[in-house]
Amino acid sequence: MIAELVTIGDEILIGQIVNTNSVFLAKALNKIGVEVGQITSISDQKEAIISTLDQARLRADIIIITGGLGPTNDDVTKHCLCEYFDDHLVSNASDNWLI
């Protein structure tokens, strides 16, 4: 089984932060016998997200996406993923979500 990790965020691309999520995920996947075939970092732009998902689907059995999920007002990842997978966001204001 081959996985691809996709990290979304301009802060990674400009060197503002180190991509520690990919390191953690790659180690965890390796421990359970899942090969990581590619790690891709992209900007939080609709075209980049769609293109990367289309390409990753051709290469990998598992695609793990991290980053780009807000909470900034200009984030497009959540809405782009909803569009890509023909789904919608649901807001849950309950304080009991940790139970």
C-alpha atoms as a PDB file:
ATOM      1  CA  MET A   1       0.000   0.000   0.000  1.00  0.00           C
ATOM      2  CA  ILE A   2       1.336   3.406  -0.971  1.00  0.00           C
ATOM      3  CA  ALA A   3       0.455   6.682   0.741  1.00  0.00           C
ATOM      4  CA  GLU A   4       0.982  10.249  -0.339  1.00  0.00           C
ATOM      5  CA  LEU A   5       1.203  13.109   2.122  1.00  0.00           C
ATOM      6  CA  VAL A   6       0.005  16.536   1.042  1.00  0.00           C
ATOM      7  CA  THR A   7       0.770  19.508   3.243  1.00  0.00           C
ATOM      8  CA  ILE A   8      -1.023  22.731   2.473  1.00  0.00           C
ATOM      9  CA  GLY A   9       0.166  26.145   3.552  1.00  0.00           C
ATOM     10  CA  ASP A  10       2.190  29.089   2.380  1.00  0.00           C
ATOM     11  CA  GLU A  11       3.981  29.176   5.736  1.00  0.00           C
ATOM     12  CA  ILE A  12       5.679  25.898   4.785  1.00  0.00           C
ATOM     13  CA  LEU A  13       6.586  27.105   1.295  1.00  0.00           C
ATOM     14  CA  ILE A  14       8.200  30.318   2.508  1.00  0.00           C
ATOM     15  CA  GLY A  15      10.173  28.553   5.231  1.00  0.00           C
ATOM     16  CA  GLN A  16       8.276  30.155   8.083  1.00  0.00           C
ATOM     17  CA  ILE A  17       7.659  26.753   9.692  1.00  0.00           C
ATOM     18  CA  VAL A  18       9.204  23.310   9.361  1.00  0.00           C
ATOM     19  CA  ASN A  19       6.989  20.553   7.969  1.00  0.00           C
ATOM     20  CA  THR A  20       7.009  18.398  11.105  1.00  0.00           C
ATOM     21  CA  ASN A  21       3.577  16.911  10.310  1.00  0.00           C
ATOM     22  CA  SER A  22       5.000  15.028   7.333  1.00  0.00           C
ATOM     23  CA  VAL A  23       7.901  13.679   9.379  1.00  0.00           C
ATOM     24  CA  PHE A  24       5.540  12.432  12.087  1.00  0.00           C
ATOM     25  CA  LEU A  25       3.088  10.904   9.603  1.00  0.00           C
ATOM     26  CA  ALA A  26       5.793   9.239   7.494  1.00  0.00           C
ATOM     27  CA  LYS A  27       7.302   7.574  10.562  1.00  0.00           C
ATOM     28  CA  ALA A  28       3.892   6.416  11.793  1.00  0.00           C
ATOM     29  CA  LEU A  29       2.930   5.019   8.371  1.00  0.00           C
ATOM     30  CA  ASN A  30       6.281   3.265   8.010  1.00  0.00           C
ATOM     31  CA  LYS A  31       5.777   1.577  11.398  1.00  0.00           C
ATOM     32  CA  ILE A  32       2.542  -0.020  10.177  1.00  0.00           C
ATOM     33  CA  GLY A  33       3.990  -1.078   6.843  1.00  0.00           C
ATOM     34  CA  VAL A  34       2.602   1.670   4.625  1.00  0.00           C
ATOM     35  CA  GLU A  35       5.110   3.047   2.124  1.00  0.00           C
ATOM     36  CA  VAL A  36       5.127   6.795   1.585  1.00  0.00           C
ATOM     37  CA  GLY A  37       5.615   7.319  -2.121  1.00  0.00           C
ATOM     38  CA  GLN A  38       5.612  11.103  -2.135  1.00  0.00           C
ATOM     39  CA  ILE A  39       5.354  14.124   0.128  1.00  0.00           C
ATOM     40  CA  THR A  40       4.042  17.264  -1.533  1.00  0.00           C
ATOM     41  CA  SER A  41       3.776  20.783  -0.094  1.00  0.00           C
ATOM     42  CA  ILE A  42       1.474  23.221  -1.855  1.00  0.00           C
ATOM     43  CA  SER A  43      -0.019  26.666  -1.404  1.00  0.00           C
ATOM     44  CA  ASP A  44      -3.534  27.176  -0.119  1.00  0.00           C
ATOM     45  CA  GLN A  45      -4.885  27.897  -3.594  1.00  0.00           C
ATOM     46  CA  LYS A  46      -7.821  26.082  -5.196  1.00  0.00           C
ATOM     47  CA  GLU A  47      -5.945  25.241  -8.412  1.00  0.00           C
ATOM     48  CA  ALA A  48      -2.992  23.766  -6.509  1.00  0.00           C
ATOM     49  CA  ILE A  49      -5.233  21.676  -4.267  1.00  0.00           C
ATOM     50  CA  ILE A  50      -7.347  20.270  -7.119  1.00  0.00           C
ATOM     51  CA  SER A  51      -4.350  19.528  -9.317  1.00  0.00           C
ATOM     52  CA  THR A  52      -2.435  17.857  -6.489  1.00  0.00           C
ATOM     53  CA  LEU A  53      -5.388  15.669  -5.504  1.00  0.00           C
ATOM     54  CA  ASP A  54      -5.945  14.622  -9.118  1.00  0.00           C
ATOM     55  CA  GLN A  55      -2.275  13.633  -9.462  1.00  0.00           C
ATOM     56  CA  ALA A  56      -2.043  11.950  -6.053  1.00  0.00           C
ATOM     57  CA  ARG A  57      -5.058   9.767  -6.842  1.00  0.00           C
ATOM     58  CA  LEU A  58      -3.087   8.285  -9.741  1.00  0.00           C
ATOM     59  CA  ARG A  59      -0.065   7.443  -7.560  1.00  0.00           C
ATOM     60  CA  ALA A  60      -1.349   6.483  -4.136  1.00  0.00           C
ATOM     61  CA  ASP A  61      -3.788   4.202  -2.375  1.00  0.00           C
ATOM     62  CA  ILE A  62      -4.014   6.570   0.603  1.00  0.00           C
ATOM     63  CA  ILE A  63      -3.853  10.369   0.516  1.00  0.00           C
ATOM     64  CA  ILE A  64      -3.353  12.214   3.785  1.00  0.00           C
ATOM     65  CA  ILE A  65      -3.848  15.976   3.769  1.00  0.00           C
ATOM     66  CA  THR A  66      -2.592  18.186   6.560  1.00  0.00           C
ATOM     67  CA  GLY A  67      -2.500  21.943   7.018  1.00  0.00           C
ATOM     68  CA  GLY A  68      -4.555  24.593   5.296  1.00  0.00           C
ATOM     69  CA  LEU A  69      -7.527  24.034   7.554  1.00  0.00           C
ATOM     70  CA  GLY A  70      -7.725  27.474   9.076  1.00  0.00           C
ATOM     71  CA  PRO A  71      -8.561  29.261  11.260  1.00  0.00           C
ATOM     72  CA  THR A  72      -7.670  32.152   8.953  1.00  0.00           C
ATOM     73  CA  ASN A  73     -10.479  33.911   7.097  1.00  0.00           C
ATOM     74  CA  ASP A  74      -8.725  33.542   3.736  1.00  0.00           C
ATOM     75  CA  ASP A  75      -8.332  29.759   3.972  1.00  0.00           C
ATOM     76  CA  VAL A  76      -9.818  27.923   0.986  1.00  0.00           C
ATOM     77  CA  THR A  77      -8.855  24.315   1.764  1.00  0.00           C
ATOM     78  CA  LYS A  78     -12.042  23.235   3.548  1.00  0.00           C
ATOM     79  CA  HIS A  79     -14.311  24.677   0.887  1.00  0.00           C
ATOM     80  CA  CYS A  80     -12.155  23.329  -1.918  1.00  0.00           C
ATOM     81  CA  LEU A  81     -12.228  19.798  -0.449  1.00  0.00           C
ATOM     82  CA  CYS A  82     -16.013  19.990  -0.081  1.00  0.00           C
ATOM     83  CA  GLU A  83     -16.298  20.946  -3.726  1.00  0.00           C
ATOM     84  CA  TYR A  84     -13.819  18.268  -4.837  1.00  0.00           C
ATOM     85  CA  PHE A  85     -15.623  15.491  -2.949  1.00  0.00           C
ATOM     86  CA  ASP A  86     -19.125  16.910  -3.596  1.00  0.00           C
ATOM     87  CA  ASP A  87     -19.791  17.355   0.116  1.00  0.00           C
ATOM     88  CA  HIS A  88     -20.512  20.194   2.535  1.00  0.00           C
ATOM     89  CA  LEU A  89     -19.314  21.539   5.874  1.00  0.00           C
ATOM     90  CA  VAL A  90     -21.303  20.971   9.037  1.00  0.00           C
ATOM     91  CA  SER A  91     -20.948  23.218  12.064  1.00  0.00           C
ATOM     92  CA  ASN A  92     -21.201  21.588  15.480  1.00  0.00           C
ATOM     93  CA  ALA A  93     -21.267  24.131  18.284  1.00  0.00           C
ATOM     94  CA  SER A  94     -21.720  21.488  20.983  1.00  0.00           C
ATOM     95  CA  ASP A  95     -19.282  21.552  23.894  1.00  0.00           C
ATOM     96  CA  ASN A  96     -19.648  17.771  24.189  1.00  0.00           C
ATOM     97  CA  TRP A  97     -17.606  16.878  21.101  1.00  0.00           C
ATOM     98  CA  LEU A  98     -14.728  15.620  23.258  1.00  0.00           C
ATOM     99  CA  ILE A  99     -16.841  12.996  25.005  1.00  0.00           C
END
